[in-house]
Amino acid sequence: MKRVLFAIAVSAALSGCTGAQTTPVQTPILLNTSGSTLLNTGTGAVTLTYTALGAGAAQTVTVNQSSANANTVYTATVPAACTGVVVVAGSTTATTSAGPTGSFTVTPAAIAPAGTCVITITSSVPGTSGTITVDTSGA
């Protein structure tokens, strides 16, 4: 009886070790802007500088991640400091955009110094987040 229990225990221990564990690939979120007076391409942090307020001054930030796929969801976290300063619209919902390439439109609504409003972009795929710093001081 002891041999049978030992064999079962050894078999269970070995079967748990046969599968290879994989670590998800972590790739940084890269941001590109269009319509910006300060154009950033393919970096993890961008600054949007505005010289006017309203819909005509809207700027689009495109989000890419090399490990992203069609199921990837990008989320924009808009802190309280941005309330009333900008309006953020994702391509899927107000704060989300679908991958592999997503986009967010940032429209200025009030004057605030650079650094007052910093939006964080995260992904459902592992990796470092991106940041969008808003500067409406020149608007």
C-alpha atoms as a PDB file:
ATOM      1  CA  MET A   1       0.000   0.000   0.000  1.00  0.00           C
ATOM      2  CA  LYS A   2       2.873   2.366   0.790  1.00  0.00           C
ATOM      3  CA  ARG A   3       4.406   1.724  -2.652  1.00  0.00           C
ATOM      4  CA  VAL A   4       1.127   2.544  -4.389  1.00  0.00           C
ATOM      5  CA  LEU A   5       0.741   5.828  -2.468  1.00  0.00           C
ATOM      6  CA  PHE A   6       4.387   6.718  -3.163  1.00  0.00           C
ATOM      7  CA  ALA A   7       3.936   6.000  -6.895  1.00  0.00           C
ATOM      8  CA  ILE A   8       0.815   8.177  -7.036  1.00  0.00           C
ATOM      9  CA  ALA A   9       2.579  11.014  -5.218  1.00  0.00           C
ATOM     10  CA  VAL A  10       5.632  10.841  -7.516  1.00  0.00           C
ATOM     11  CA  SER A  11       3.423  10.666 -10.609  1.00  0.00           C
ATOM     12  CA  ALA A  12       1.439  13.722  -9.485  1.00  0.00           C
ATOM     13  CA  ALA A  13       4.614  15.673  -8.731  1.00  0.00           C
ATOM     14  CA  LEU A  14       6.152  14.871 -12.114  1.00  0.00           C
ATOM     15  CA  SER A  15       3.014  15.664 -14.085  1.00  0.00           C
ATOM     16  CA  GLY A  16       2.985  19.141 -12.561  1.00  0.00           C
ATOM     17  CA  CYS A  17       6.534  19.783 -13.790  1.00  0.00           C
ATOM     18  CA  THR A  18       6.128  18.763 -17.411  1.00  0.00           C
ATOM     19  CA  GLY A  19       4.378  21.921 -18.655  1.00  0.00           C
ATOM     20  CA  ALA A  20       6.597  24.818 -19.655  1.00  0.00           C
ATOM     21  CA  GLN A  21       5.635  28.106 -18.090  1.00  0.00           C
ATOM     22  CA  THR A  22       5.604  31.144 -20.313  1.00  0.00           C
ATOM     23  CA  THR A  23       6.011  34.717 -19.196  1.00  0.00           C
ATOM     24  CA  PRO A  24       3.928  37.261 -21.115  1.00  0.00           C
ATOM     25  CA  VAL A  25       6.018  39.509 -23.335  1.00  0.00           C
ATOM     26  CA  GLN A  26       6.042  43.043 -21.966  1.00  0.00           C
ATOM     27  CA  THR A  27       6.331  45.735 -24.588  1.00  0.00           C
ATOM     28  CA  PRO A  28       6.033  49.483 -24.037  1.00  0.00           C
ATOM     29  CA  ILE A  29       3.076  51.517 -25.244  1.00  0.00           C
ATOM     30  CA  LEU A  30       4.178  53.896 -27.974  1.00  0.00           C
ATOM     31  CA  LEU A  31       2.285  57.106 -28.702  1.00  0.00           C
ATOM     32  CA  ASN A  32       2.125  59.185 -31.866  1.00  0.00           C
ATOM     33  CA  THR A  33       0.372  62.516 -32.270  1.00  0.00           C
ATOM     34  CA  SER A  34      -1.194  64.314 -35.176  1.00  0.00           C
ATOM     35  CA  GLY A  35      -2.208  67.942 -35.305  1.00  0.00           C
ATOM     36  CA  SER A  36       0.207  68.834 -32.534  1.00  0.00           C
ATOM     37  CA  THR A  37       2.480  71.846 -32.459  1.00  0.00           C
ATOM     38  CA  LEU A  38       5.004  69.593 -30.723  1.00  0.00           C
ATOM     39  CA  LEU A  39       5.058  66.390 -32.719  1.00  0.00           C
ATOM     40  CA  ASN A  40       6.154  63.226 -30.928  1.00  0.00           C
ATOM     41  CA  THR A  41       6.573  59.972 -32.776  1.00  0.00           C
ATOM     42  CA  GLY A  42       6.832  56.518 -31.269  1.00  0.00           C
ATOM     43  CA  THR A  43       7.661  57.438 -27.687  1.00  0.00           C
ATOM     44  CA  GLY A  44       6.117  56.437 -24.366  1.00  0.00           C
ATOM     45  CA  ALA A  45       5.342  60.030 -23.389  1.00  0.00           C
ATOM     46  CA  VAL A  46       3.947  62.887 -25.453  1.00  0.00           C
ATOM     47  CA  THR A  47       3.117  66.518 -24.718  1.00  0.00           C
ATOM     48  CA  LEU A  48       0.120  68.078 -26.428  1.00  0.00           C
ATOM     49  CA  THR A  49       0.508  71.853 -26.742  1.00  0.00           C
ATOM     50  CA  TYR A  50      -2.597  73.866 -27.588  1.00  0.00           C
ATOM     51  CA  THR A  51      -2.860  77.397 -28.964  1.00  0.00           C
ATOM     52  CA  ALA A  52      -6.668  77.406 -29.183  1.00  0.00           C
ATOM     53  CA  LEU A  53      -9.618  75.965 -27.289  1.00  0.00           C
ATOM     54  CA  GLY A  54     -12.518  73.941 -28.622  1.00  0.00           C
ATOM     55  CA  ALA A  55     -13.246  71.229 -31.154  1.00  0.00           C
ATOM     56  CA  GLY A  56     -11.069  72.807 -33.847  1.00  0.00           C
ATOM     57  CA  ALA A  57      -8.022  72.408 -31.616  1.00  0.00           C
ATOM     58  CA  ALA A  58      -8.544  68.680 -31.006  1.00  0.00           C
ATOM     59  CA  GLN A  59      -5.470  66.468 -31.326  1.00  0.00           C
ATOM     60  CA  THR A  60      -5.367  62.736 -31.900  1.00  0.00           C
ATOM     61  CA  VAL A  61      -2.995  60.392 -30.102  1.00  0.00           C
ATOM     62  CA  THR A  62      -2.452  57.006 -31.740  1.00  0.00           C
ATOM     63  CA  VAL A  63      -1.525  54.127 -29.442  1.00  0.00           C
ATOM     64  CA  ASN A  64       0.583  51.154 -30.571  1.00  0.00           C
ATOM     65  CA  GLN A  65       2.135  48.209 -28.803  1.00  0.00           C
ATOM     66  CA  SER A  66       4.169  45.573 -30.641  1.00  0.00           C
ATOM     67  CA  SER A  67       2.590  42.693 -28.691  1.00  0.00           C
ATOM     68  CA  ALA A  68      -0.977  43.999 -29.147  1.00  0.00           C
ATOM     69  CA  ASN A  69      -3.659  42.189 -31.109  1.00  0.00           C
ATOM     70  CA  ALA A  70      -7.316  42.697 -32.052  1.00  0.00           C
ATOM     71  CA  ASN A  71      -8.384  41.833 -28.477  1.00  0.00           C
ATOM     72  CA  THR A  72      -6.143  44.456 -26.870  1.00  0.00           C
ATOM     73  CA  VAL A  73      -7.940  47.259 -25.040  1.00  0.00           C
ATOM     74  CA  TYR A  74      -6.216  50.558 -24.312  1.00  0.00           C
ATOM     75  CA  THR A  75      -7.564  52.600 -21.397  1.00  0.00           C
ATOM     76  CA  ALA A  76      -7.069  56.303 -20.784  1.00  0.00           C
ATOM     77  CA  THR A  77      -7.059  57.243 -17.098  1.00  0.00           C
ATOM     78  CA  VAL A  78      -8.062  60.885 -16.844  1.00  0.00           C
ATOM     79  CA  PRO A  79      -7.324  62.273 -13.354  1.00  0.00           C
ATOM     80  CA  ALA A  80      -9.442  64.849 -11.527  1.00  0.00           C
ATOM     81  CA  ALA A  81      -6.857  67.532 -12.391  1.00  0.00           C
ATOM     82  CA  CYS A  82      -7.982  67.200 -16.038  1.00  0.00           C
ATOM     83  CA  THR A  83     -11.658  67.829 -15.276  1.00  0.00           C
ATOM     84  CA  GLY A  84     -12.734  70.871 -17.222  1.00  0.00           C
ATOM     85  CA  VAL A  85      -9.290  71.199 -18.852  1.00  0.00           C
ATOM     86  CA  VAL A  86      -9.688  68.590 -21.622  1.00  0.00           C
ATOM     87  CA  VAL A  87     -12.223  66.151 -23.007  1.00  0.00           C
ATOM     88  CA  VAL A  88     -10.865  62.711 -23.947  1.00  0.00           C
ATOM     89  CA  ALA A  89     -12.643  60.458 -26.431  1.00  0.00           C
ATOM     90  CA  GLY A  90     -11.509  56.951 -27.273  1.00  0.00           C
ATOM     91  CA  SER A  91     -12.434  55.153 -30.466  1.00  0.00           C
ATOM     92  CA  THR A  92     -14.452  52.511 -28.587  1.00  0.00           C
ATOM     93  CA  THR A  93     -15.819  54.369 -25.532  1.00  0.00           C
ATOM     94  CA  ALA A  94     -14.989  57.608 -23.781  1.00  0.00           C
ATOM     95  CA  THR A  95     -11.879  56.143 -22.195  1.00  0.00           C
ATOM     96  CA  THR A  96     -11.112  52.964 -24.167  1.00  0.00           C
ATOM     97  CA  SER A  97      -9.822  52.115 -27.602  1.00  0.00           C
ATOM     98  CA  ALA A  98      -9.414  48.733 -29.288  1.00  0.00           C
ATOM     99  CA  GLY A  99      -6.129  47.356 -30.596  1.00  0.00           C
ATOM    100  CA  PRO A 100      -3.847  46.514 -32.125  1.00  0.00           C
ATOM    101  CA  THR A 101      -3.722  50.243 -32.871  1.00  0.00           C
ATOM    102  CA  GLY A 102      -5.972  52.528 -30.861  1.00  0.00           C
ATOM    103  CA  SER A 103      -6.572  56.241 -30.795  1.00  0.00           C
ATOM    104  CA  PHE A 104      -7.741  58.947 -28.427  1.00  0.00           C
ATOM    105  CA  THR A 105      -8.894  62.442 -29.326  1.00  0.00           C
ATOM    106  CA  VAL A 106      -7.972  65.110 -26.775  1.00  0.00           C
ATOM    107  CA  THR A 107      -9.908  68.383 -27.005  1.00  0.00           C
ATOM    108  CA  PRO A 108      -8.937  71.352 -24.809  1.00  0.00           C
ATOM    109  CA  ALA A 109     -11.691  73.025 -22.792  1.00  0.00           C
ATOM    110  CA  ALA A 110      -9.912  75.481 -20.472  1.00  0.00           C
ATOM    111  CA  ILE A 111      -6.543  77.117 -19.909  1.00  0.00           C
ATOM    112  CA  ALA A 112      -4.162  75.309 -17.561  1.00  0.00           C
ATOM    113  CA  PRO A 113      -0.362  75.208 -17.271  1.00  0.00           C
ATOM    114  CA  ALA A 114       1.646  72.293 -18.651  1.00  0.00           C
ATOM    115  CA  GLY A 115       1.806  69.385 -16.248  1.00  0.00           C
ATOM    116  CA  THR A 116      -1.546  70.168 -14.602  1.00  0.00           C
ATOM    117  CA  CYS A 117      -3.231  67.416 -16.612  1.00  0.00           C
ATOM    118  CA  VAL A 118      -1.371  64.148 -17.250  1.00  0.00           C
ATOM    119  CA  ILE A 119      -3.360  61.303 -18.806  1.00  0.00           C
ATOM    120  CA  THR A 120      -2.101  57.728 -18.406  1.00  0.00           C
ATOM    121  CA  ILE A 121      -2.641  55.169 -21.171  1.00  0.00           C
ATOM    122  CA  THR A 122      -2.553  51.504 -20.152  1.00  0.00           C
ATOM    123  CA  SER A 123      -3.102  48.304 -22.095  1.00  0.00           C
ATOM    124  CA  SER A 124      -4.694  44.933 -21.460  1.00  0.00           C
ATOM    125  CA  VAL A 125      -1.414  43.473 -22.802  1.00  0.00           C
ATOM    126  CA  PRO A 126       1.494  43.592 -20.317  1.00  0.00           C
ATOM    127  CA  GLY A 127       3.880  46.473 -20.760  1.00  0.00           C
ATOM    128  CA  THR A 128       4.865  49.926 -19.597  1.00  0.00           C
ATOM    129  CA  SER A 129       2.183  52.595 -19.794  1.00  0.00           C
ATOM    130  CA  GLY A 130       2.242  55.765 -21.843  1.00  0.00           C
ATOM    131  CA  THR A 131       1.557  59.313 -20.674  1.00  0.00           C
ATOM    132  CA  ILE A 132       0.003  62.338 -22.361  1.00  0.00           C
ATOM    133  CA  THR A 133       0.868  65.693 -20.785  1.00  0.00           C
ATOM    134  CA  VAL A 134      -1.550  68.476 -21.725  1.00  0.00           C
ATOM    135  CA  ASP A 135      -0.423  72.095 -22.075  1.00  0.00           C
ATOM    136  CA  THR A 136      -3.287  74.505 -22.714  1.00  0.00           C
ATOM    137  CA  SER A 137      -1.444  77.526 -21.302  1.00  0.00           C
ATOM    138  CA  GLY A 138      -1.014  78.995 -24.775  1.00  0.00           C
ATOM    139  CA  ALA A 139      -4.681  78.603 -25.699  1.00  0.00           C
END
